[in-house]
Amino acid sequence: MKEDSNELIKIKEIICRVLNIDEIDDSAKQEDYIEWDSLAYLSIISELEVQFNINISSKNINNFGSVQNILTNIMQ
């Protein structure tokens, strides 16, 4: 569980940095933030790939529209 919380913190930091906001809720979704448009979505994906040393494929690229979905996909 500790690892999940560390990953969650990193994910939220990435999203906040990309969206240029101060904080984001654990249950936040893309549709909750006007700033989280398609360009921001791709920027978040790119940052996730770098920070977590992962490759996000075209098969699952649409699964990153919320903090919880990102965490679930990162932890797989």
N, C-alpha and C. Protein backbone atom coordinates (compact mmCIF):
# COMPACT_ATOMS: atom_id res chain seq x y z
N MET A 1 0.82 -1.19 0.00
CA MET A 1 0.00 0.00 0.00
C MET A 1 0.86 1.25 0.00
N LYS A 2 2.01 1.21 0.68
CA LYS A 2 2.90 2.36 0.72
C LYS A 2 3.39 2.71 -0.68
N GLU A 3 3.71 1.68 -1.46
CA GLU A 3 4.17 1.91 -2.83
C GLU A 3 3.07 2.60 -3.64
N ASP A 4 1.83 2.15 -3.46
CA ASP A 4 0.70 2.78 -4.16
C ASP A 4 0.60 4.26 -3.81
N SER A 5 0.79 4.59 -2.53
CA SER A 5 0.66 5.99 -2.13
C SER A 5 1.80 6.83 -2.70
N ASN A 6 2.99 6.27 -2.79
CA ASN A 6 4.12 6.99 -3.42
C ASN A 6 3.84 7.22 -4.90
N GLU A 7 3.30 6.21 -5.56
CA GLU A 7 2.98 6.33 -6.98
C GLU A 7 1.87 7.36 -7.17
N LEU A 8 0.88 7.35 -6.28
CA LEU A 8 -0.22 8.30 -6.36
C LEU A 8 0.29 9.74 -6.23
N ILE A 9 1.20 9.95 -5.32
CA ILE A 9 1.78 11.29 -5.13
C ILE A 9 2.49 11.73 -6.41
N LYS A 10 3.29 10.84 -7.00
CA LYS A 10 4.00 11.17 -8.24
C LYS A 10 3.03 11.49 -9.36
N ILE A 11 1.98 10.70 -9.49
CA ILE A 11 0.98 10.90 -10.53
C ILE A 11 0.32 12.26 -10.37
N LYS A 12 -0.08 12.57 -9.15
CA LYS A 12 -0.74 13.85 -8.89
C LYS A 12 0.20 15.03 -9.15
N GLU A 13 1.48 14.87 -8.82
CA GLU A 13 2.46 15.92 -9.10
C GLU A 13 2.60 16.16 -10.59
N ILE A 14 2.63 15.09 -11.36
CA ILE A 14 2.74 15.21 -12.82
C ILE A 14 1.52 15.94 -13.37
N ILE A 15 0.35 15.52 -12.96
CA ILE A 15 -0.88 16.14 -13.47
C ILE A 15 -0.92 17.62 -13.09
N CYS A 16 -0.61 17.93 -11.86
CA CYS A 16 -0.61 19.33 -11.42
C CYS A 16 0.37 20.17 -12.21
N ARG A 17 1.54 19.63 -12.45
CA ARG A 17 2.56 20.36 -13.20
C ARG A 17 2.09 20.61 -14.64
N VAL A 18 1.56 19.59 -15.28
CA VAL A 18 1.10 19.72 -16.66
C VAL A 18 -0.08 20.69 -16.76
N LEU A 19 -1.02 20.58 -15.82
CA LEU A 19 -2.21 21.42 -15.86
C LEU A 19 -1.98 22.80 -15.26
N ASN A 20 -0.81 22.98 -14.65
CA ASN A 20 -0.47 24.25 -14.00
C ASN A 20 -1.49 24.61 -12.91
N ILE A 21 -1.75 23.62 -12.05
CA ILE A 21 -2.65 23.81 -10.91
C ILE A 21 -1.91 23.44 -9.64
N ASP A 22 -2.43 23.88 -8.50
CA ASP A 22 -1.74 23.66 -7.23
C ASP A 22 -1.99 22.28 -6.63
N GLU A 23 -3.20 21.76 -6.78
CA GLU A 23 -3.49 20.44 -6.22
C GLU A 23 -4.62 19.79 -6.99
N ILE A 24 -4.71 18.48 -6.83
CA ILE A 24 -5.74 17.71 -7.51
C ILE A 24 -6.19 16.60 -6.58
N ASP A 25 -7.47 16.30 -6.60
CA ASP A 25 -8.05 15.29 -5.74
C ASP A 25 -7.74 13.88 -6.26
N ASP A 26 -7.70 12.92 -5.36
CA ASP A 26 -7.43 11.53 -5.74
C ASP A 26 -8.47 10.98 -6.71
N SER A 27 -9.67 11.51 -6.67
CA SER A 27 -10.75 11.01 -7.52
C SER A 27 -10.96 11.87 -8.77
N ALA A 28 -10.03 12.76 -9.07
CA ALA A 28 -10.18 13.68 -10.21
C ALA A 28 -10.21 12.94 -11.53
N LYS A 29 -11.01 13.49 -12.44
CA LYS A 29 -11.15 12.95 -13.80
C LYS A 29 -10.89 14.05 -14.80
N GLN A 30 -10.57 13.64 -15.99
CA GLN A 30 -10.27 14.59 -17.06
C GLN A 30 -11.40 15.58 -17.26
N GLU A 31 -12.64 15.12 -17.22
CA GLU A 31 -13.77 16.01 -17.47
C GLU A 31 -13.99 17.03 -16.36
N ASP A 32 -13.32 16.87 -15.22
CA ASP A 32 -13.43 17.82 -14.11
C ASP A 32 -12.60 19.09 -14.32
N TYR A 33 -11.68 19.05 -15.28
CA TYR A 33 -10.72 20.15 -15.46
C TYR A 33 -10.68 20.60 -16.92
N ILE A 34 -11.04 21.83 -17.15
CA ILE A 34 -11.00 22.38 -18.51
C ILE A 34 -9.57 22.37 -19.06
N GLU A 35 -8.60 22.48 -18.16
CA GLU A 35 -7.18 22.48 -18.56
C GLU A 35 -6.73 21.12 -19.09
N TRP A 36 -7.44 20.05 -18.70
CA TRP A 36 -7.06 18.68 -19.05
C TRP A 36 -7.62 18.36 -20.43
N ASP A 37 -7.16 19.08 -21.43
CA ASP A 37 -7.61 18.87 -22.80
C ASP A 37 -6.74 17.81 -23.47
N SER A 38 -6.91 17.63 -24.77
CA SER A 38 -6.19 16.56 -25.46
C SER A 38 -4.67 16.78 -25.46
N LEU A 39 -4.24 18.02 -25.57
CA LEU A 39 -2.80 18.30 -25.53
C LEU A 39 -2.24 18.00 -24.14
N ALA A 40 -2.96 18.40 -23.11
CA ALA A 40 -2.53 18.11 -21.74
C ALA A 40 -2.52 16.60 -21.50
N TYR A 41 -3.52 15.91 -22.03
CA TYR A 41 -3.61 14.45 -21.89
C TYR A 41 -2.33 13.80 -22.43
N LEU A 42 -1.93 14.21 -23.63
CA LEU A 42 -0.72 13.65 -24.23
C LEU A 42 0.54 14.04 -23.46
N SER A 43 0.55 15.24 -22.92
CA SER A 43 1.69 15.67 -22.10
C SER A 43 1.78 14.85 -20.82
N ILE A 44 0.64 14.55 -20.22
CA ILE A 44 0.61 13.70 -19.02
C ILE A 44 1.12 12.31 -19.36
N ILE A 45 0.65 11.76 -20.47
CA ILE A 45 1.11 10.43 -20.92
C ILE A 45 2.62 10.43 -21.09
N SER A 46 3.14 11.44 -21.74
CA SER A 46 4.58 11.54 -21.97
C SER A 46 5.35 11.61 -20.65
N GLU A 47 4.89 12.42 -19.73
CA GLU A 47 5.53 12.55 -18.42
C GLU A 47 5.47 11.22 -17.65
N LEU A 48 4.35 10.54 -17.73
CA LEU A 48 4.21 9.24 -17.05
C LEU A 48 5.22 8.24 -17.59
N GLU A 49 5.38 8.23 -18.91
CA GLU A 49 6.33 7.30 -19.52
C GLU A 49 7.75 7.57 -19.02
N VAL A 50 8.12 8.82 -18.92
CA VAL A 50 9.46 9.18 -18.46
C VAL A 50 9.63 8.87 -16.97
N GLN A 51 8.71 9.34 -16.16
CA GLN A 51 8.84 9.21 -14.70
C GLN A 51 8.76 7.77 -14.22
N PHE A 52 7.94 6.95 -14.88
CA PHE A 52 7.75 5.58 -14.44
C PHE A 52 8.48 4.57 -15.32
N ASN A 53 9.23 5.07 -16.30
CA ASN A 53 9.99 4.21 -17.20
C ASN A 53 9.10 3.12 -17.81
N ILE A 54 7.98 3.56 -18.40
CA ILE A 54 7.03 2.65 -19.01
C ILE A 54 6.77 3.10 -20.45
N ASN A 55 6.19 2.20 -21.22
CA ASN A 55 5.73 2.52 -22.57
C ASN A 55 4.23 2.33 -22.60
N ILE A 56 3.51 3.38 -22.91
CA ILE A 56 2.06 3.30 -23.00
C ILE A 56 1.72 3.05 -24.46
N SER A 57 1.04 1.95 -24.69
CA SER A 57 0.75 1.53 -26.07
C SER A 57 -0.55 2.15 -26.59
N SER A 58 -0.73 2.04 -27.87
CA SER A 58 -1.97 2.53 -28.49
C SER A 58 -3.18 1.73 -28.00
N LYS A 59 -2.95 0.53 -27.49
CA LYS A 59 -4.05 -0.29 -26.99
C LYS A 59 -4.63 0.25 -25.68
N ASN A 60 -3.81 0.87 -24.86
CA ASN A 60 -4.31 1.36 -23.57
C ASN A 60 -4.16 2.86 -23.38
N ILE A 61 -3.84 3.59 -24.42
CA ILE A 61 -3.60 5.03 -24.28
C ILE A 61 -4.85 5.78 -23.82
N ASN A 62 -6.01 5.24 -24.09
CA ASN A 62 -7.26 5.90 -23.69
C ASN A 62 -7.67 5.60 -22.25
N ASN A 63 -6.84 4.91 -21.51
CA ASN A 63 -7.17 4.51 -20.14
C ASN A 63 -6.58 5.43 -19.08
N PHE A 64 -6.24 6.66 -19.43
CA PHE A 64 -5.53 7.54 -18.51
C PHE A 64 -6.28 8.84 -18.25
N GLY A 65 -7.60 8.77 -18.19
CA GLY A 65 -8.42 9.95 -18.04
C GLY A 65 -8.81 10.30 -16.62
N SER A 66 -8.23 9.61 -15.65
CA SER A 66 -8.50 9.94 -14.24
C SER A 66 -7.29 9.55 -13.41
N VAL A 67 -7.19 10.13 -12.25
CA VAL A 67 -6.09 9.81 -11.35
C VAL A 67 -6.10 8.32 -11.01
N GLN A 68 -7.26 7.79 -10.69
CA GLN A 68 -7.35 6.37 -10.31
C GLN A 68 -7.04 5.44 -11.48
N ASN A 69 -7.51 5.78 -12.69
CA ASN A 69 -7.19 4.95 -13.86
C ASN A 69 -5.70 4.97 -14.15
N ILE A 70 -5.09 6.13 -13.98
CA ILE A 70 -3.64 6.22 -14.18
C ILE A 70 -2.92 5.32 -13.18
N LEU A 71 -3.30 5.42 -11.92
CA LEU A 71 -2.67 4.59 -10.88
C LEU A 71 -2.83 3.11 -11.20
N THR A 72 -4.03 2.70 -11.57
CA THR A 72 -4.29 1.30 -11.89
C THR A 72 -3.41 0.83 -13.05
N ASN A 73 -3.31 1.63 -14.09
CA ASN A 73 -2.50 1.24 -15.24
C ASN A 73 -1.01 1.26 -14.95
N ILE A 74 -0.56 2.19 -14.14
CA ILE A 74 0.86 2.26 -13.78
C ILE A 74 1.26 1.04 -12.94
N MET A 75 0.36 0.60 -12.07
CA MET A 75 0.69 -0.49 -11.15
C MET A 75 0.61 -1.87 -11.80
N GLN A 76 0.16 -1.95 -13.02
CA GLN A 76 0.04 -3.27 -13.69
C GLN A 76 1.38 -3.77 -14.15
